[in-house]
Structure formats: structure tokens, C-alpha cells
Amino acid sequence: MPLKIIGEITDIEIVAVGKSIREINRLNKVYGRARWRKMKGFTKLLLDNGKRINAEIHWYEAHGFGKIEYKIKRILK
């Protein structure tokens, strides 16, 4: 389900850092070695069907890479 962030990401928190991230080996292979962090926050999204929703999203980030691999974790009412 492709998504487009149309609002500001709020209430940003760190979920995991470094070795506590399950996907750390894959991130290092695909993007390169870095101090990876798994983050979460809340935002408004525009889905490919034109629907606007509020959702909790998760992503990975590291210095020099920015935010990558967004995932919708929960749709809020």
C-alpha cells in the first residue's frame, strides 16, 4: 500500500538502537554500516486510493541516510 506523508510527524520516539534492531544486519548490507535507529511517530497519510488517514508509522534512520523504509503500524480513528 503506497503512502504519502501529508502532515508533520509528531510524538517521535526511538524504539531501538544498534544491535537491538532485529533487521540490523540487513540494513548494514543494503545501505551500509551506520548507527541505525528504529523510530516511531504519528502523522496524516494520503493513500494511493485518495483516502486520508491518521496513523502510527515506523521507520529506520541513520546519519547521512535520513528516514527510510516507512511502515504503517496502526491506523488511528
N, C-alpha and C. Protein backbone atom coordinates (compact mmCIF):
# COMPACT_ATOMS: atom_id res chain seq x y z
N MET A 1 0.85 -1.16 0.00
CA MET A 1 0.00 0.00 0.00
C MET A 1 0.90 1.23 0.00
N PRO A 2 1.11 1.87 -1.15
CA PRO A 2 1.94 3.07 -1.20
C PRO A 2 1.32 4.19 -0.36
N LEU A 3 2.16 4.99 0.26
CA LEU A 3 1.67 6.05 1.10
C LEU A 3 2.46 7.32 0.89
N LYS A 4 1.82 8.44 1.19
CA LYS A 4 2.47 9.74 1.09
C LYS A 4 2.17 10.49 2.38
N ILE A 5 3.21 10.95 3.05
CA ILE A 5 3.03 11.69 4.29
C ILE A 5 2.61 13.11 3.93
N ILE A 6 1.45 13.54 4.45
CA ILE A 6 0.95 14.87 4.13
C ILE A 6 0.96 15.79 5.35
N GLY A 7 1.29 15.25 6.50
CA GLY A 7 1.35 16.06 7.71
C GLY A 7 2.71 15.94 8.37
N GLU A 8 2.90 16.72 9.39
CA GLU A 8 4.15 16.66 10.14
C GLU A 8 4.14 15.41 11.02
N ILE A 9 5.28 14.77 11.19
CA ILE A 9 5.39 13.62 12.07
C ILE A 9 5.56 14.16 13.49
N THR A 10 4.67 13.72 14.39
CA THR A 10 4.69 14.21 15.77
C THR A 10 4.95 13.06 16.74
N ASP A 11 5.23 13.42 17.98
CA ASP A 11 5.47 12.45 19.07
C ASP A 11 6.50 11.40 18.66
N ILE A 12 7.61 11.83 18.10
CA ILE A 12 8.66 10.93 17.62
C ILE A 12 9.40 10.32 18.81
N GLU A 13 9.58 9.01 18.77
CA GLU A 13 10.29 8.27 19.81
C GLU A 13 11.26 7.28 19.17
N ILE A 14 12.33 6.99 19.87
CA ILE A 14 13.26 5.94 19.46
C ILE A 14 12.74 4.61 20.01
N VAL A 15 12.60 3.62 19.13
CA VAL A 15 12.13 2.30 19.53
C VAL A 15 13.32 1.40 19.85
N ALA A 16 14.36 1.44 19.01
CA ALA A 16 15.54 0.59 19.21
C ALA A 16 16.75 1.24 18.55
N VAL A 17 17.94 0.89 19.06
CA VAL A 17 19.20 1.43 18.53
C VAL A 17 20.20 0.30 18.38
N GLY A 18 20.95 0.31 17.26
CA GLY A 18 22.06 -0.62 17.06
C GLY A 18 21.66 -2.08 17.09
N LYS A 19 22.34 -2.87 17.90
CA LYS A 19 22.16 -4.33 17.94
C LYS A 19 20.77 -4.76 18.40
N SER A 20 20.02 -3.88 19.04
CA SER A 20 18.67 -4.26 19.48
C SER A 20 17.65 -4.21 18.34
N ILE A 21 18.06 -3.75 17.15
CA ILE A 21 17.19 -3.77 15.97
C ILE A 21 17.31 -5.14 15.32
N ARG A 22 16.19 -5.83 15.12
CA ARG A 22 16.21 -7.17 14.53
C ARG A 22 16.81 -7.19 13.13
N GLU A 23 16.58 -6.15 12.36
CA GLU A 23 16.99 -6.09 10.96
C GLU A 23 18.35 -5.42 10.76
N ILE A 24 19.17 -5.31 11.78
CA ILE A 24 20.42 -4.55 11.70
C ILE A 24 21.37 -5.10 10.64
N ASN A 25 21.47 -6.41 10.52
CA ASN A 25 22.38 -7.00 9.51
C ASN A 25 21.92 -6.66 8.10
N ARG A 26 20.62 -6.73 7.84
CA ARG A 26 20.09 -6.39 6.52
C ARG A 26 20.30 -4.91 6.21
N LEU A 27 20.05 -4.04 7.19
CA LEU A 27 20.26 -2.60 6.98
C LEU A 27 21.72 -2.31 6.63
N ASN A 28 22.64 -2.94 7.35
CA ASN A 28 24.07 -2.74 7.07
C ASN A 28 24.45 -3.24 5.68
N LYS A 29 23.88 -4.36 5.23
CA LYS A 29 24.20 -4.89 3.91
C LYS A 29 23.62 -4.02 2.80
N VAL A 30 22.38 -3.60 2.95
CA VAL A 30 21.69 -2.86 1.90
C VAL A 30 22.16 -1.41 1.82
N TYR A 31 22.26 -0.74 2.96
CA TYR A 31 22.54 0.70 2.97
C TYR A 31 23.96 1.06 3.42
N GLY A 32 24.62 0.16 4.13
CA GLY A 32 25.95 0.44 4.64
C GLY A 32 25.95 0.53 6.16
N ARG A 33 27.12 0.37 6.73
CA ARG A 33 27.25 0.40 8.19
C ARG A 33 27.01 1.82 8.70
N ALA A 34 26.23 1.90 9.76
CA ALA A 34 25.92 3.19 10.38
C ALA A 34 25.32 2.92 11.76
N ARG A 35 25.07 3.96 12.49
CA ARG A 35 24.40 3.85 13.79
C ARG A 35 22.90 3.96 13.54
N TRP A 36 22.29 2.82 13.24
CA TRP A 36 20.88 2.77 12.87
C TRP A 36 19.99 2.92 14.09
N ARG A 37 18.85 3.60 13.89
CA ARG A 37 17.84 3.74 14.92
C ARG A 37 16.49 3.41 14.30
N LYS A 38 15.66 2.68 15.05
CA LYS A 38 14.28 2.44 14.63
C LYS A 38 13.44 3.47 15.37
N MET A 39 12.61 4.21 14.62
CA MET A 39 11.84 5.31 15.18
C MET A 39 10.35 5.07 14.97
N LYS A 40 9.54 5.79 15.77
CA LYS A 40 8.09 5.77 15.55
C LYS A 40 7.54 7.16 15.78
N GLY A 41 6.39 7.42 15.15
CA GLY A 41 5.72 8.70 15.28
C GLY A 41 4.33 8.63 14.69
N PHE A 42 3.60 9.74 14.78
CA PHE A 42 2.23 9.81 14.30
C PHE A 42 2.12 10.89 13.25
N THR A 43 1.33 10.63 12.19
CA THR A 43 1.19 11.59 11.09
C THR A 43 -0.10 11.34 10.32
N LYS A 44 -0.40 12.25 9.39
CA LYS A 44 -1.50 12.08 8.44
C LYS A 44 -0.91 11.54 7.15
N LEU A 45 -1.60 10.57 6.55
CA LEU A 45 -1.13 9.94 5.32
C LEU A 45 -2.17 10.06 4.23
N LEU A 46 -1.72 10.12 2.99
CA LEU A 46 -2.58 10.05 1.82
C LEU A 46 -2.29 8.72 1.14
N LEU A 47 -3.28 7.84 1.10
CA LEU A 47 -3.11 6.54 0.47
C LEU A 47 -3.30 6.64 -1.03
N ASP A 48 -2.90 5.59 -1.75
CA ASP A 48 -2.99 5.61 -3.21
C ASP A 48 -4.43 5.67 -3.70
N ASN A 49 -5.41 5.29 -2.88
CA ASN A 49 -6.82 5.36 -3.28
C ASN A 49 -7.44 6.72 -2.97
N GLY A 50 -6.63 7.69 -2.49
CA GLY A 50 -7.11 9.04 -2.21
C GLY A 50 -7.61 9.24 -0.79
N LYS A 51 -7.60 8.19 0.01
CA LYS A 51 -8.09 8.26 1.38
C LYS A 51 -7.04 8.91 2.28
N ARG A 52 -7.48 9.78 3.19
CA ARG A 52 -6.60 10.42 4.17
C ARG A 52 -6.84 9.76 5.53
N ILE A 53 -5.75 9.36 6.17
CA ILE A 53 -5.87 8.67 7.46
C ILE A 53 -4.83 9.22 8.43
N ASN A 54 -5.11 9.05 9.72
CA ASN A 54 -4.12 9.29 10.77
C ASN A 54 -3.54 7.93 11.13
N ALA A 55 -2.22 7.86 11.27
CA ALA A 55 -1.59 6.56 11.52
C ALA A 55 -0.33 6.70 12.35
N GLU A 56 0.00 5.59 13.00
CA GLU A 56 1.32 5.45 13.64
C GLU A 56 2.22 4.81 12.60
N ILE A 57 3.39 5.41 12.37
CA ILE A 57 4.33 4.85 11.41
C ILE A 57 5.66 4.56 12.09
N HIS A 58 6.38 3.59 11.54
CA HIS A 58 7.73 3.25 12.00
C HIS A 58 8.67 3.39 10.81
N TRP A 59 9.93 3.72 11.09
CA TRP A 59 10.94 3.84 10.04
C TRP A 59 12.31 3.66 10.65
N TYR A 60 13.32 3.52 9.79
CA TYR A 60 14.71 3.44 10.21
C TYR A 60 15.40 4.73 9.79
N GLU A 61 16.39 5.16 10.55
CA GLU A 61 17.18 6.31 10.14
C GLU A 61 18.58 6.20 10.70
N ALA A 62 19.50 6.86 10.00
CA ALA A 62 20.89 6.96 10.43
C ALA A 62 21.46 8.24 9.83
N HIS A 63 22.48 8.77 10.45
CA HIS A 63 23.10 10.00 9.98
C HIS A 63 23.62 9.78 8.55
N GLY A 64 23.26 10.67 7.66
CA GLY A 64 23.68 10.57 6.27
C GLY A 64 22.71 9.81 5.38
N PHE A 65 21.76 9.08 5.96
CA PHE A 65 20.79 8.32 5.19
C PHE A 65 19.40 8.92 5.28
N GLY A 66 19.08 9.57 6.38
CA GLY A 66 17.73 10.11 6.56
C GLY A 66 16.75 9.02 6.93
N LYS A 67 15.48 9.30 6.72
CA LYS A 67 14.41 8.35 7.05
C LYS A 67 14.20 7.41 5.87
N ILE A 68 14.18 6.11 6.16
CA ILE A 68 13.97 5.11 5.10
C ILE A 68 13.01 4.04 5.58
N GLU A 69 12.39 3.34 4.64
CA GLU A 69 11.52 2.19 4.88
C GLU A 69 10.40 2.49 5.87
N TYR A 70 9.51 3.40 5.50
CA TYR A 70 8.33 3.70 6.31
C TYR A 70 7.38 2.51 6.32
N LYS A 71 6.76 2.26 7.48
CA LYS A 71 5.75 1.20 7.61
C LYS A 71 4.57 1.75 8.40
N ILE A 72 3.36 1.46 7.96
CA ILE A 72 2.18 1.80 8.75
C ILE A 72 2.02 0.71 9.81
N LYS A 73 2.05 1.09 11.07
CA LYS A 73 1.91 0.12 12.14
C LYS A 73 0.49 0.07 12.70
N ARG A 74 -0.19 1.23 12.69
CA ARG A 74 -1.53 1.26 13.26
C ARG A 74 -2.28 2.43 12.65
N ILE A 75 -3.52 2.17 12.22
CA ILE A 75 -4.39 3.24 11.73
C ILE A 75 -5.24 3.72 12.89
N LEU A 76 -5.23 5.03 13.10
CA LEU A 76 -5.95 5.62 14.22
C LEU A 76 -7.32 6.11 13.77
N LYS A 77 -8.28 6.06 14.66
CA LYS A 77 -9.64 6.52 14.34
C LYS A 77 -9.74 8.01 14.52
